[in-house]
Amino acid sequence: MYHIAICDDDQNFIDKTQKLLLSLGLDKDKTVFYAYHSGEELLQSLPMTSQTDLLILDIVLPGIKGDETARKFREYFPNALLVFCSGISEPTTESFKTTPFRYLIKHYDDSDLKKEFKVIIER
């Protein structure tokens, strides 16, 4: 069973990401997706979350930004795969202190996103 959290303030991006991941061969019956629209929403859920294998996290979020959200997420899930995905922000030194596996740009075309997500799933 895979537990994948997507934290982004754009519901269309969340939906697109779920579809892309499933199109790459993840079993729909063995994959649980969690959607969060802010860092606060994600962080509030962490004490009640037993497992997260992958977090796809936007950098620019309302309220708590992605870097801070990632830092606090790591306190709960130090071994989870973390992928930043942003449309306008560039990584900072703070971004890399949370040891992300990838830093994706939302404006990648679908074929580039599929290539990146394939590598992420294989990991």
N, C-alpha and C. Protein backbone atom coordinates (compact mmCIF):
# COMPACT_ATOMS: atom_id res chain seq x y z
N MET A 1 0.85 -1.18 0.00
CA MET A 1 0.00 0.00 0.00
C MET A 1 0.90 1.25 0.00
N TYR A 2 0.62 2.16 -0.92
CA TYR A 2 1.35 3.42 -1.00
C TYR A 2 0.47 4.53 -0.43
N HIS A 3 1.08 5.40 0.36
CA HIS A 3 0.39 6.56 0.93
C HIS A 3 1.05 7.80 0.38
N ILE A 4 0.31 8.53 -0.45
CA ILE A 4 0.86 9.70 -1.16
C ILE A 4 0.08 10.94 -0.77
N ALA A 5 0.78 11.93 -0.25
CA ALA A 5 0.17 13.21 0.12
C ALA A 5 0.57 14.25 -0.93
N ILE A 6 -0.40 15.04 -1.34
CA ILE A 6 -0.15 16.15 -2.27
C ILE A 6 -0.65 17.41 -1.59
N CYS A 7 0.24 18.36 -1.40
CA CYS A 7 -0.11 19.61 -0.74
C CYS A 7 0.10 20.76 -1.73
N ASP A 8 -1.02 21.30 -2.19
CA ASP A 8 -0.98 22.36 -3.18
C ASP A 8 -2.28 23.15 -3.09
N ASP A 9 -2.22 24.45 -3.28
CA ASP A 9 -3.44 25.25 -3.20
C ASP A 9 -4.24 25.24 -4.49
N ASP A 10 -3.79 24.49 -5.49
CA ASP A 10 -4.46 24.38 -6.78
C ASP A 10 -5.05 22.97 -6.92
N GLN A 11 -6.36 22.84 -6.77
CA GLN A 11 -7.01 21.54 -6.84
C GLN A 11 -6.81 20.89 -8.20
N ASN A 12 -6.76 21.68 -9.26
CA ASN A 12 -6.53 21.11 -10.60
C ASN A 12 -5.17 20.41 -10.67
N PHE A 13 -4.16 21.00 -10.03
CA PHE A 13 -2.84 20.36 -10.02
C PHE A 13 -2.88 19.07 -9.22
N ILE A 14 -3.58 19.06 -8.12
CA ILE A 14 -3.70 17.85 -7.31
C ILE A 14 -4.35 16.74 -8.14
N ASP A 15 -5.46 17.07 -8.81
CA ASP A 15 -6.16 16.08 -9.64
C ASP A 15 -5.26 15.56 -10.76
N LYS A 16 -4.57 16.47 -11.42
CA LYS A 16 -3.68 16.12 -12.53
C LYS A 16 -2.56 15.20 -12.04
N THR A 17 -2.00 15.51 -10.90
CA THR A 17 -0.90 14.71 -10.35
C THR A 17 -1.37 13.31 -10.01
N GLN A 18 -2.54 13.20 -9.40
CA GLN A 18 -3.07 11.87 -9.08
C GLN A 18 -3.26 11.05 -10.35
N LYS A 19 -3.84 11.65 -11.38
CA LYS A 19 -4.07 10.94 -12.64
C LYS A 19 -2.75 10.52 -13.29
N LEU A 20 -1.75 11.41 -13.27
CA LEU A 20 -0.45 11.08 -13.85
C LEU A 20 0.18 9.90 -13.11
N LEU A 21 0.14 9.93 -11.79
CA LEU A 21 0.73 8.85 -11.00
C LEU A 21 0.03 7.52 -11.29
N LEU A 22 -1.28 7.53 -11.34
CA LEU A 22 -2.02 6.30 -11.63
C LEU A 22 -1.76 5.81 -13.05
N SER A 23 -1.56 6.75 -13.99
CA SER A 23 -1.29 6.36 -15.38
C SER A 23 0.06 5.68 -15.53
N LEU A 24 0.93 5.84 -14.54
CA LEU A 24 2.26 5.24 -14.60
C LEU A 24 2.31 3.85 -13.98
N GLY A 25 1.15 3.33 -13.61
CA GLY A 25 1.11 1.95 -13.15
C GLY A 25 0.84 1.73 -11.68
N LEU A 26 0.66 2.80 -10.93
CA LEU A 26 0.30 2.58 -9.53
C LEU A 26 -1.08 1.93 -9.48
N ASP A 27 -1.23 0.95 -8.62
CA ASP A 27 -2.49 0.25 -8.48
C ASP A 27 -3.46 1.12 -7.68
N LYS A 28 -4.59 1.42 -8.30
CA LYS A 28 -5.58 2.30 -7.68
C LYS A 28 -6.07 1.73 -6.34
N ASP A 29 -6.13 0.41 -6.24
CA ASP A 29 -6.61 -0.23 -5.01
C ASP A 29 -5.54 -0.30 -3.93
N LYS A 30 -4.30 -0.05 -4.31
CA LYS A 30 -3.20 -0.13 -3.34
C LYS A 30 -2.53 1.22 -3.13
N THR A 31 -3.20 2.28 -3.54
CA THR A 31 -2.65 3.63 -3.40
C THR A 31 -3.68 4.52 -2.72
N VAL A 32 -3.26 5.16 -1.64
CA VAL A 32 -4.12 6.10 -0.92
C VAL A 32 -3.56 7.50 -1.14
N PHE A 33 -4.41 8.38 -1.66
CA PHE A 33 -4.00 9.77 -1.86
C PHE A 33 -4.63 10.64 -0.77
N TYR A 34 -3.84 11.58 -0.29
CA TYR A 34 -4.31 12.59 0.64
C TYR A 34 -4.07 13.95 -0.01
N ALA A 35 -5.08 14.79 -0.01
CA ALA A 35 -4.95 16.12 -0.62
C ALA A 35 -5.04 17.18 0.47
N TYR A 36 -4.12 18.11 0.43
CA TYR A 36 -4.09 19.23 1.36
C TYR A 36 -3.93 20.51 0.57
N HIS A 37 -4.59 21.56 1.01
CA HIS A 37 -4.57 22.82 0.26
C HIS A 37 -3.74 23.91 0.93
N SER A 38 -3.13 23.59 2.05
CA SER A 38 -2.25 24.54 2.73
C SER A 38 -1.29 23.76 3.62
N GLY A 39 -0.21 24.42 3.97
CA GLY A 39 0.75 23.81 4.89
C GLY A 39 0.12 23.54 6.24
N GLU A 40 -0.71 24.46 6.70
CA GLU A 40 -1.38 24.27 8.00
C GLU A 40 -2.25 23.03 7.99
N GLU A 41 -2.99 22.84 6.91
CA GLU A 41 -3.87 21.67 6.80
C GLU A 41 -3.06 20.37 6.86
N LEU A 42 -1.96 20.33 6.14
CA LEU A 42 -1.09 19.16 6.17
C LEU A 42 -0.52 18.94 7.57
N LEU A 43 0.01 19.98 8.17
CA LEU A 43 0.65 19.85 9.47
C LEU A 43 -0.34 19.43 10.56
N GLN A 44 -1.57 19.90 10.48
CA GLN A 44 -2.59 19.50 11.46
C GLN A 44 -2.90 18.01 11.37
N SER A 45 -2.75 17.43 10.19
CA SER A 45 -3.07 16.02 10.01
C SER A 45 -1.94 15.09 10.45
N LEU A 46 -0.73 15.59 10.55
CA LEU A 46 0.42 14.72 10.81
C LEU A 46 0.33 13.88 12.09
N PRO A 47 -0.12 14.44 13.20
CA PRO A 47 -0.19 13.60 14.40
C PRO A 47 -1.14 12.40 14.25
N MET A 48 -2.08 12.48 13.32
CA MET A 48 -3.04 11.40 13.13
C MET A 48 -2.69 10.51 11.93
N THR A 49 -1.59 10.80 11.26
CA THR A 49 -1.20 10.07 10.06
C THR A 49 -0.18 9.00 10.44
N SER A 50 -0.49 7.76 10.10
CA SER A 50 0.41 6.69 10.48
C SER A 50 1.52 6.45 9.45
N GLN A 51 1.27 6.82 8.20
CA GLN A 51 2.27 6.55 7.17
C GLN A 51 2.13 7.54 6.02
N THR A 52 3.27 7.99 5.51
CA THR A 52 3.34 8.75 4.27
C THR A 52 4.60 8.30 3.56
N ASP A 53 4.43 7.79 2.35
CA ASP A 53 5.58 7.32 1.57
C ASP A 53 6.14 8.42 0.69
N LEU A 54 5.25 9.31 0.22
CA LEU A 54 5.65 10.36 -0.71
C LEU A 54 4.83 11.61 -0.41
N LEU A 55 5.52 12.74 -0.33
CA LEU A 55 4.86 14.04 -0.22
C LEU A 55 5.27 14.88 -1.41
N ILE A 56 4.27 15.33 -2.17
CA ILE A 56 4.49 16.27 -3.26
C ILE A 56 4.00 17.62 -2.74
N LEU A 57 4.91 18.57 -2.63
CA LEU A 57 4.65 19.79 -1.87
C LEU A 57 4.97 21.04 -2.69
N ASP A 58 3.99 21.91 -2.78
CA ASP A 58 4.20 23.22 -3.40
C ASP A 58 5.06 24.08 -2.47
N ILE A 59 5.84 24.95 -3.03
CA ILE A 59 6.66 25.87 -2.23
C ILE A 59 5.85 27.09 -1.81
N VAL A 60 5.08 27.62 -2.74
CA VAL A 60 4.31 28.83 -2.47
C VAL A 60 2.89 28.43 -2.07
N LEU A 61 2.62 28.55 -0.78
CA LEU A 61 1.32 28.18 -0.22
C LEU A 61 0.80 29.34 0.62
N PRO A 62 -0.51 29.42 0.78
CA PRO A 62 -1.04 30.43 1.70
C PRO A 62 -0.63 30.07 3.13
N GLY A 63 -0.31 31.05 3.93
CA GLY A 63 0.09 30.78 5.31
C GLY A 63 1.51 30.26 5.37
N ILE A 64 1.68 29.10 6.00
CA ILE A 64 3.00 28.50 6.15
C ILE A 64 3.52 28.07 4.77
N LYS A 65 4.69 28.52 4.42
CA LYS A 65 5.28 28.22 3.12
C LYS A 65 5.79 26.78 3.06
N GLY A 66 6.11 26.33 1.86
CA GLY A 66 6.53 24.95 1.65
C GLY A 66 7.78 24.56 2.39
N ASP A 67 8.78 25.44 2.46
CA ASP A 67 10.02 25.10 3.17
C ASP A 67 9.76 24.78 4.64
N GLU A 68 8.98 25.60 5.28
CA GLU A 68 8.66 25.39 6.70
C GLU A 68 7.78 24.15 6.87
N THR A 69 6.83 23.96 5.98
CA THR A 69 5.99 22.77 6.02
C THR A 69 6.85 21.52 5.89
N ALA A 70 7.78 21.53 4.97
CA ALA A 70 8.67 20.38 4.76
C ALA A 70 9.51 20.09 6.00
N ARG A 71 10.02 21.14 6.62
CA ARG A 71 10.85 20.96 7.82
C ARG A 71 10.05 20.26 8.92
N LYS A 72 8.82 20.70 9.14
CA LYS A 72 7.99 20.09 10.17
C LYS A 72 7.52 18.69 9.77
N PHE A 73 7.25 18.49 8.48
CA PHE A 73 6.89 17.17 7.98
C PHE A 73 8.00 16.17 8.27
N ARG A 74 9.25 16.57 8.06
CA ARG A 74 10.40 15.70 8.28
C ARG A 74 10.50 15.21 9.73
N GLU A 75 9.99 15.98 10.67
CA GLU A 75 10.00 15.55 12.07
C GLU A 75 9.15 14.30 12.26
N TYR A 76 8.11 14.15 11.48
CA TYR A 76 7.22 12.99 11.56
C TYR A 76 7.65 11.86 10.63
N PHE A 77 8.11 12.21 9.45
CA PHE A 77 8.44 11.22 8.42
C PHE A 77 9.82 11.50 7.82
N PRO A 78 10.87 11.18 8.59
CA PRO A 78 12.22 11.49 8.11
C PRO A 78 12.64 10.68 6.88
N ASN A 79 12.00 9.54 6.63
CA ASN A 79 12.41 8.68 5.52
C ASN A 79 11.47 8.74 4.32
N ALA A 80 10.42 9.54 4.39
CA ALA A 80 9.50 9.66 3.27
C ALA A 80 10.18 10.37 2.10
N LEU A 81 9.73 10.07 0.92
CA LEU A 81 10.24 10.76 -0.26
C LEU A 81 9.54 12.12 -0.34
N LEU A 82 10.32 13.17 -0.50
CA LEU A 82 9.80 14.53 -0.57
C LEU A 82 10.12 15.10 -1.94
N VAL A 83 9.08 15.61 -2.60
CA VAL A 83 9.25 16.23 -3.92
C VAL A 83 8.62 17.61 -3.86
N PHE A 84 9.42 18.63 -4.09
CA PHE A 84 8.88 19.98 -4.22
C PHE A 84 8.39 20.17 -5.65
N CYS A 85 7.30 20.86 -5.79
CA CYS A 85 6.77 21.17 -7.11
C CYS A 85 6.23 22.59 -7.05
N SER A 86 6.77 23.46 -7.87
CA SER A 86 6.38 24.86 -7.79
C SER A 86 6.23 25.46 -9.19
N GLY A 87 5.41 26.46 -9.26
CA GLY A 87 5.21 27.15 -10.53
C GLY A 87 6.04 28.40 -10.67
N ILE A 88 6.38 29.04 -9.55
CA ILE A 88 7.06 30.33 -9.66
C ILE A 88 8.28 30.47 -8.76
N SER A 89 8.42 29.61 -7.81
CA SER A 89 9.49 29.78 -6.84
C SER A 89 10.70 28.92 -7.20
N GLU A 90 11.87 29.43 -6.88
CA GLU A 90 13.09 28.67 -7.08
C GLU A 90 13.53 28.09 -5.75
N PRO A 91 14.25 26.98 -5.79
CA PRO A 91 14.71 26.40 -4.53
C PRO A 91 15.67 27.34 -3.81
N THR A 92 15.63 27.25 -2.51
CA THR A 92 16.54 28.04 -1.67
C THR A 92 17.38 27.07 -0.86
N THR A 93 18.32 27.59 -0.14
CA THR A 93 19.12 26.72 0.74
C THR A 93 18.22 26.06 1.78
N GLU A 94 17.17 26.74 2.21
CA GLU A 94 16.21 26.15 3.15
C GLU A 94 15.51 24.94 2.55
N SER A 95 15.21 25.02 1.25
CA SER A 95 14.54 23.91 0.57
C SER A 95 15.36 22.64 0.68
N PHE A 96 16.66 22.76 0.51
CA PHE A 96 17.50 21.57 0.48
C PHE A 96 17.85 21.03 1.86
N LYS A 97 17.61 21.78 2.89
CA LYS A 97 17.84 21.29 4.25
C LYS A 97 16.85 20.18 4.61
N THR A 98 15.77 20.07 3.85
CA THR A 98 14.76 19.04 4.12
C THR A 98 14.97 17.81 3.22
N THR A 99 16.06 17.76 2.53
CA THR A 99 16.48 16.65 1.66
C THR A 99 15.39 16.18 0.68
N PRO A 100 14.97 17.07 -0.21
CA PRO A 100 14.01 16.63 -1.23
C PRO A 100 14.69 15.70 -2.23
N PHE A 101 13.89 14.82 -2.81
CA PHE A 101 14.39 13.93 -3.86
C PHE A 101 14.40 14.63 -5.21
N ARG A 102 13.41 15.47 -5.44
CA ARG A 102 13.31 16.21 -6.69
C ARG A 102 12.71 17.59 -6.43
N TYR A 103 12.99 18.48 -7.38
CA TYR A 103 12.36 19.81 -7.39
C TYR A 103 11.80 19.99 -8.79
N LEU A 104 10.47 19.90 -8.91
CA LEU A 104 9.82 19.96 -10.21
C LEU A 104 9.18 21.32 -10.44
N ILE A 105 9.04 21.65 -11.70
CA ILE A 105 8.37 22.88 -12.09
C ILE A 105 7.00 22.51 -12.65
N LYS A 106 5.96 23.14 -12.15
CA LYS A 106 4.60 22.81 -12.57
C LYS A 106 4.39 23.00 -14.06
N HIS A 107 5.13 23.87 -14.67
CA HIS A 107 4.92 24.18 -16.08
C HIS A 107 5.57 23.17 -17.02
N TYR A 108 6.20 22.13 -16.47
CA TYR A 108 6.69 21.05 -17.34
C TYR A 108 5.51 20.53 -18.14
N ASP A 109 5.78 20.11 -19.37
CA ASP A 109 4.68 19.50 -20.12
C ASP A 109 4.44 18.09 -19.55
N ASP A 110 3.33 17.49 -19.93
CA ASP A 110 2.94 16.21 -19.35
C ASP A 110 3.99 15.13 -19.55
N SER A 111 4.66 15.12 -20.69
CA SER A 111 5.66 14.07 -20.93
C SER A 111 6.85 14.23 -19.98
N ASP A 112 7.26 15.47 -19.71
CA ASP A 112 8.37 15.69 -18.76
C ASP A 112 7.94 15.33 -17.34
N LEU A 113 6.72 15.70 -16.97
CA LEU A 113 6.23 15.33 -15.63
C LEU A 113 6.14 13.81 -15.49
N LYS A 114 5.68 13.14 -16.54
CA LYS A 114 5.60 11.67 -16.48
C LYS A 114 6.98 11.05 -16.29
N LYS A 115 7.98 11.58 -17.00
CA LYS A 115 9.35 11.07 -16.85
C LYS A 115 9.82 11.23 -15.41
N GLU A 116 9.59 12.42 -14.86
CA GLU A 116 10.03 12.67 -13.48
C GLU A 116 9.26 11.80 -12.48
N PHE A 117 7.95 11.72 -12.66
CA PHE A 117 7.16 10.91 -11.73
C PHE A 117 7.49 9.42 -11.84
N LYS A 118 7.87 8.98 -13.02
CA LYS A 118 8.29 7.57 -13.17
C LYS A 118 9.52 7.29 -12.32
N VAL A 119 10.49 8.19 -12.36
CA VAL A 119 11.70 8.04 -11.54
C VAL A 119 11.33 8.07 -10.05
N ILE A 120 10.41 8.95 -9.70
CA ILE A 120 9.98 9.08 -8.30
C ILE A 120 9.31 7.79 -7.83
N ILE A 121 8.42 7.24 -8.64
CA ILE A 121 7.73 6.00 -8.27
C ILE A 121 8.71 4.84 -8.15
N GLU A 122 9.66 4.79 -9.07
CA GLU A 122 10.65 3.70 -9.01
C GLU A 122 11.49 3.77 -7.75
N ARG A 123 11.70 4.95 -7.25
CA ARG A 123 12.49 5.14 -6.02
C ARG A 123 11.72 4.60 -4.83
